[in-house]
């Protein structure tokens, strides 16, 4: 939280996947994600403050705000921008840096569930399941993985230890997922040991949900492939409800989330029979 006359907390160093610092001239997609984070927290941003915080020129910041306004993710004002009245689903390329450390910890806890007795795993799309896929690929142990996410398929296709199966289907560009009847049919006759799925909302009363109804149907088909289903999501989505219900909470074996999740909702999930792990 900010204090005094300062509106924004200092931005932590941005580190790429090789572990090295990005230059001050960070890529536009990273700036866009950070701008959306500040909007979600404060409701408004100014060009002057973003210029200092992101070490970018005023012209670059104005271009960033224009890009986000075109996608209806904010509304520009004189000297800055405010949150859009309607909360839209953020494209995955903008979600990658949000709650990144929490997602890494969640993925690491999930990877520990893939023991030697687990031979086949299903991975739904999402930023946290993508982090899990990277860990499973790096582990170099034989494992069959079924996924409907194109970016996860790209991560695992170069890993010789992974026996990779990718569903067909229509591409959903916001999440890089293959969805629809073709994907559903590909999953119909598959049996897996364990499924990991990311969600946009989880509640004890209403179950798990996502923004898109077609994606929700394909997610339901993925869940049916295994008796053990683990939800991976950061704490910001616990106690939240998205547009399309995937399934009731009785179909979920476990939840791995971060310590920032709503404690009362976690208690309700435990009471409903969900094995909750916080990291």
Protein backbone atom coordinates (compact mmCIF):
# COMPACT_ATOMS: atom_id res chain seq x y z
CA UNK A 1 0.00 0.00 0.00
CA UNK A 2 1.17 3.53 -0.70
CA UNK A 3 1.62 6.12 2.01
CA UNK A 4 1.99 9.87 2.27
CA UNK A 5 1.96 11.62 -1.09
CA UNK A 6 3.21 8.59 -3.02
CA UNK A 7 0.61 6.83 -5.07
CA UNK A 8 2.47 3.75 -6.20
CA UNK A 9 4.73 1.25 -4.49
CA UNK A 10 8.16 0.77 -6.10
CA UNK A 11 8.19 -1.73 -8.93
CA UNK A 12 10.34 -4.79 -8.19
CA UNK A 13 13.06 -5.66 -10.71
CA UNK A 14 11.72 -7.48 -13.76
CA UNK A 15 13.59 -10.74 -14.30
CA UNK A 16 13.35 -12.83 -17.42
CA UNK A 17 13.16 -16.63 -17.57
CA UNK A 18 16.95 -16.90 -17.80
CA UNK A 19 17.24 -15.15 -14.44
CA UNK A 20 18.73 -11.90 -15.77
CA UNK A 21 17.37 -8.40 -15.43
CA UNK A 22 15.54 -6.83 -18.32
CA UNK A 23 16.80 -3.45 -19.42
CA UNK A 24 14.97 -0.33 -18.29
CA UNK A 25 13.26 -0.29 -21.67
CA UNK A 26 10.98 -3.20 -20.77
CA UNK A 27 8.86 -4.82 -23.43
CA UNK A 28 5.44 -3.34 -24.08
CA UNK A 29 3.57 -6.46 -22.98
CA UNK A 30 5.25 -6.26 -19.56
CA UNK A 31 4.36 -2.59 -19.23
CA UNK A 32 0.76 -3.33 -20.17
CA UNK A 33 0.49 -6.02 -17.51
CA UNK A 34 1.92 -3.73 -14.83
CA UNK A 35 -0.40 -0.89 -15.85
CA UNK A 36 -3.38 -3.22 -15.50
CA UNK A 37 -2.12 -4.34 -12.09
CA UNK A 38 -1.99 -0.70 -10.91
CA UNK A 39 -5.48 -0.07 -12.28
CA UNK A 40 -6.85 -3.13 -10.50
CA UNK A 41 -5.32 -1.89 -7.24
CA UNK A 42 -5.92 1.86 -7.40
CA UNK A 43 -8.67 2.36 -9.98
CA UNK A 44 -6.71 5.01 -11.90
CA UNK A 45 -3.23 5.77 -13.20
CA UNK A 46 -1.47 8.88 -14.50
CA UNK A 47 0.98 9.22 -17.36
CA UNK A 48 3.41 11.14 -15.16
CA UNK A 49 3.54 8.50 -12.44
CA UNK A 50 3.74 5.61 -14.93
CA UNK A 51 6.59 7.34 -16.77
CA UNK A 52 8.63 7.43 -13.57
CA UNK A 53 7.61 4.01 -12.32
CA UNK A 54 8.12 2.08 -15.56
CA UNK A 55 11.08 4.17 -16.78
CA UNK A 56 9.40 4.78 -20.13
CA UNK A 57 8.79 7.93 -22.12
CA UNK A 58 5.44 9.74 -21.88
CA UNK A 59 4.85 8.90 -25.54
CA UNK A 60 5.34 5.17 -24.85
CA UNK A 61 2.96 5.27 -21.88
CA UNK A 62 0.30 7.06 -23.95
CA UNK A 63 0.65 4.41 -26.65
CA UNK A 64 0.27 1.70 -24.00
CA UNK A 65 -2.91 3.30 -22.68
CA UNK A 66 -4.25 3.58 -26.22
CA UNK A 67 -3.63 -0.14 -26.82
CA UNK A 68 -5.46 -1.08 -23.62
CA UNK A 69 -8.34 1.29 -24.34
CA UNK A 70 -8.82 -0.27 -27.80
CA UNK A 71 -9.24 -3.62 -26.05
CA UNK A 72 -11.76 -2.08 -23.62
CA UNK A 73 -9.53 -2.80 -20.64
CA UNK A 74 -9.50 0.82 -19.44
CA UNK A 75 -10.82 4.29 -20.22
CA UNK A 76 -8.37 7.08 -20.97
CA UNK A 77 -8.68 10.40 -19.18
CA UNK A 78 -6.82 13.68 -19.44
CA UNK A 79 -3.36 12.77 -18.18
CA UNK A 80 -4.02 9.10 -17.47
CA UNK A 81 -6.69 6.38 -17.37
CA UNK A 82 -9.31 4.78 -15.14
CA UNK A 83 -10.59 1.21 -14.89
CA UNK A 84 -13.23 0.09 -17.38
CA UNK A 85 -16.72 -0.11 -15.91
CA UNK A 86 -16.98 -3.74 -17.01
CA UNK A 87 -14.33 -6.23 -15.92
CA UNK A 88 -13.11 -8.03 -19.02
CA UNK A 89 -11.00 -11.15 -19.11
CA UNK A 90 -7.36 -10.17 -19.54
CA UNK A 91 -5.62 -11.84 -22.47
CA UNK A 92 -3.11 -14.37 -21.23
CA UNK A 93 -0.12 -12.42 -22.58
CA UNK A 94 -0.99 -9.65 -20.10
CA UNK A 95 -1.63 -12.04 -17.20
CA UNK A 96 1.79 -13.69 -17.24
CA UNK A 97 3.42 -11.22 -14.85
CA UNK A 98 0.46 -10.87 -12.45
CA UNK A 99 1.00 -12.58 -9.07
CA UNK A 100 4.00 -14.29 -10.65
CA UNK A 101 5.81 -15.33 -7.47
CA UNK A 102 2.60 -16.78 -6.03
CA UNK A 103 2.03 -18.77 -9.21
CA UNK A 104 5.55 -20.17 -9.07
CA UNK A 105 5.03 -21.37 -5.49
CA UNK A 106 1.67 -22.91 -6.42
CA UNK A 107 3.23 -24.72 -9.38
CA UNK A 108 6.05 -26.06 -7.20
CA UNK A 109 3.55 -27.44 -4.68
CA UNK A 110 1.56 -29.01 -7.52
CA UNK A 111 4.67 -30.64 -8.97
CA UNK A 112 5.22 -32.41 -5.66
CA UNK A 113 1.91 -34.24 -6.20
CA UNK A 114 3.24 -35.83 -9.38
CA UNK A 115 4.91 -38.71 -7.57
CA UNK A 116 6.35 -41.90 -9.05
CA UNK A 117 2.90 -43.49 -8.84
CA UNK A 118 1.47 -40.86 -11.20
CA UNK A 119 1.96 -41.83 -14.83
CA UNK A 120 -0.47 -39.56 -16.67
CA UNK A 121 -1.46 -35.95 -16.11
CA UNK A 122 -3.95 -33.57 -17.71
CA UNK A 123 -3.16 -29.86 -17.86
CA UNK A 124 -5.74 -27.19 -18.62
CA UNK A 125 -4.68 -23.79 -19.86
CA UNK A 126 -3.56 -20.86 -17.72
CA UNK A 127 -0.50 -19.11 -16.40
CA UNK A 128 -0.12 -21.29 -13.31
CA UNK A 129 -0.55 -24.57 -15.17
CA UNK A 130 2.05 -23.29 -17.64
CA UNK A 131 4.52 -22.87 -14.78
CA UNK A 132 3.70 -26.41 -13.67
CA UNK A 133 4.31 -27.72 -17.20
CA UNK A 134 7.78 -26.17 -17.17
CA UNK A 135 8.60 -27.89 -13.90
CA UNK A 136 7.33 -31.25 -15.12
CA UNK A 137 9.33 -30.92 -18.31
CA UNK A 138 12.49 -30.02 -16.43
CA UNK A 139 12.11 -32.99 -14.08
CA UNK A 140 13.10 -35.33 -16.93
CA UNK A 141 11.03 -38.27 -15.65
CA UNK A 142 8.80 -40.29 -17.99
CA UNK A 143 5.27 -38.88 -17.94
CA UNK A 144 2.30 -38.82 -20.27
CA UNK A 145 0.73 -35.36 -20.46
CA UNK A 146 -2.56 -34.47 -22.14
CA UNK A 147 -3.29 -30.78 -22.71
CA UNK A 148 -5.57 -28.52 -24.71
CA UNK A 149 -3.25 -25.50 -24.29
CA UNK A 150 -1.06 -24.58 -27.25
CA UNK A 151 1.54 -22.75 -25.18
CA UNK A 152 1.90 -25.72 -22.82
CA UNK A 153 2.23 -28.03 -25.81
CA UNK A 154 5.02 -25.78 -27.10
CA UNK A 155 6.81 -25.95 -23.75
CA UNK A 156 6.64 -29.74 -23.55
CA UNK A 157 7.08 -30.73 -27.19
CA UNK A 158 10.87 -30.41 -26.88
CA UNK A 159 11.08 -32.53 -23.72
CA UNK A 160 12.00 -36.11 -24.68
CA UNK A 161 10.81 -37.51 -21.33
CA UNK A 162 7.25 -36.24 -21.92
CA UNK A 163 4.82 -38.36 -23.93
CA UNK A 164 2.68 -35.46 -25.12
CA UNK A 165 -0.89 -35.64 -26.41
CA UNK A 166 -2.60 -32.46 -27.63
CA UNK A 167 -6.32 -32.22 -28.26
CA UNK A 168 -7.63 -30.66 -31.43
CA UNK A 169 -10.24 -27.93 -31.34
CA UNK A 170 -10.86 -24.26 -32.01
CA UNK A 171 -8.23 -21.86 -30.71
CA UNK A 172 -9.34 -19.46 -28.00
CA UNK A 173 -6.82 -16.64 -28.41
CA UNK A 174 -7.34 -15.12 -24.94
CA UNK A 175 -6.05 -18.27 -23.23
CA UNK A 176 -4.21 -20.18 -26.04
CA UNK A 177 -6.59 -23.09 -25.42
CA UNK A 178 -8.16 -25.52 -27.88
CA UNK A 179 -11.87 -25.75 -27.09
CA UNK A 180 -15.15 -26.89 -28.57
CA UNK A 181 -16.59 -30.20 -29.85
CA UNK A 182 -13.33 -31.49 -31.38
CA UNK A 183 -11.44 -30.99 -28.12
CA UNK A 184 -14.34 -32.47 -26.13
CA UNK A 185 -14.40 -35.60 -28.30
CA UNK A 186 -10.63 -36.04 -28.00
CA UNK A 187 -10.99 -36.15 -24.22
CA UNK A 188 -14.03 -38.45 -24.15
CA UNK A 189 -12.24 -41.81 -23.95
CA UNK A 190 -9.10 -40.84 -22.01
CA UNK A 191 -8.29 -41.97 -18.44
CA UNK A 192 -5.72 -40.01 -16.45
CA UNK A 193 -4.22 -40.29 -12.99
CA UNK A 194 -4.40 -36.59 -12.17
CA UNK A 195 -5.76 -33.38 -13.70
CA UNK A 196 -4.60 -29.85 -12.89
CA UNK A 197 -6.84 -26.98 -13.93
CA UNK A 198 -6.67 -23.21 -13.64
CA UNK A 199 -9.86 -21.24 -13.03
CA UNK A 200 -11.09 -17.66 -12.95
CA UNK A 201 -13.15 -18.19 -9.82
CA UNK A 202 -13.73 -20.74 -7.06
CA UNK A 203 -16.43 -20.67 -4.37
CA UNK A 204 -17.61 -23.35 -1.97
CA UNK A 205 -21.22 -22.67 -2.90
CA UNK A 206 -20.94 -22.30 -6.67
CA UNK A 207 -17.89 -24.38 -7.54
CA UNK A 208 -15.31 -23.38 -10.14
CA UNK A 209 -15.90 -21.03 -13.05
CA UNK A 210 -14.31 -19.36 -16.06
CA UNK A 211 -15.11 -16.46 -18.35
CA UNK A 212 -16.09 -18.40 -21.48
CA UNK A 213 -18.93 -20.92 -21.82
CA UNK A 214 -17.26 -22.99 -24.55
CA UNK A 215 -14.07 -23.22 -22.51
CA UNK A 216 -16.14 -24.28 -19.51
CA UNK A 217 -17.57 -27.23 -21.45
CA UNK A 218 -14.12 -28.39 -22.56
CA UNK A 219 -12.85 -28.01 -18.99
CA UNK A 220 -15.70 -30.26 -17.83
CA UNK A 221 -14.59 -32.90 -20.33
CA UNK A 222 -11.01 -32.66 -19.06
CA UNK A 223 -12.12 -33.08 -15.45
CA UNK A 224 -14.01 -36.26 -16.30
CA UNK A 225 -10.79 -37.97 -17.41
CA UNK A 226 -9.52 -38.33 -13.82
CA UNK A 227 -10.93 -39.04 -10.36
CA UNK A 228 -8.44 -36.64 -8.80
CA UNK A 229 -8.74 -32.99 -9.86
CA UNK A 230 -6.54 -30.24 -8.42
CA UNK A 231 -7.38 -26.56 -8.91
CA UNK A 232 -4.41 -24.21 -9.20
CA UNK A 233 -5.17 -20.52 -8.73
CA UNK A 234 -3.76 -17.49 -7.00
CA UNK A 235 -5.61 -16.07 -4.03
CA UNK A 236 -7.22 -13.23 -5.98
CA UNK A 237 -9.68 -15.73 -7.53
CA UNK A 238 -10.73 -17.48 -4.32
CA UNK A 239 -14.24 -16.45 -3.36
CA UNK A 240 -14.83 -15.03 -6.85
CA UNK A 241 -17.30 -16.13 -9.52
CA UNK A 242 -16.79 -15.86 -13.29
CA UNK A 243 -19.46 -16.01 -16.01
CA UNK A 244 -19.51 -19.74 -16.82
CA UNK A 245 -19.70 -22.45 -14.18
CA UNK A 246 -17.42 -25.41 -14.90
CA UNK A 247 -18.55 -27.79 -12.15
CA UNK A 248 -19.59 -27.99 -8.53
CA UNK A 249 -17.12 -28.10 -5.69
CA UNK A 250 -17.93 -31.77 -5.04
CA UNK A 251 -15.96 -32.66 -8.19
CA UNK A 252 -12.77 -31.05 -6.88
CA UNK A 253 -10.22 -33.04 -4.87
CA UNK A 254 -7.86 -30.26 -3.94
CA UNK A 255 -6.98 -26.58 -4.23
CA UNK A 256 -3.50 -25.09 -4.19
CA UNK A 257 -3.45 -21.33 -3.70
CA UNK A 258 -1.42 -18.66 -1.95
CA UNK A 259 -1.61 -17.31 1.59
CA UNK A 260 -3.31 -14.15 0.35
CA UNK A 261 -6.55 -16.03 -0.39
CA UNK A 262 -9.68 -15.16 1.60
CA UNK A 263 -9.38 -17.19 4.82
CA UNK A 264 -13.12 -17.50 5.41
CA UNK A 265 -13.69 -18.86 1.91
CA UNK A 266 -10.85 -21.34 2.37
CA UNK A 267 -12.56 -22.58 5.53
CA UNK A 268 -15.81 -23.04 3.58
CA UNK A 269 -13.96 -24.99 0.90
CA UNK A 270 -12.39 -27.26 3.51
CA UNK A 271 -15.80 -27.83 5.08
CA UNK A 272 -17.06 -28.83 1.63
CA UNK A 273 -14.40 -31.56 1.43
CA UNK A 274 -11.69 -29.83 -0.60
CA UNK A 275 -8.08 -30.50 0.44
CA UNK A 276 -6.73 -26.93 0.60
CA UNK A 277 -3.03 -26.16 0.43
CA UNK A 278 -1.68 -22.60 0.80
CA UNK A 279 1.84 -21.61 -0.15
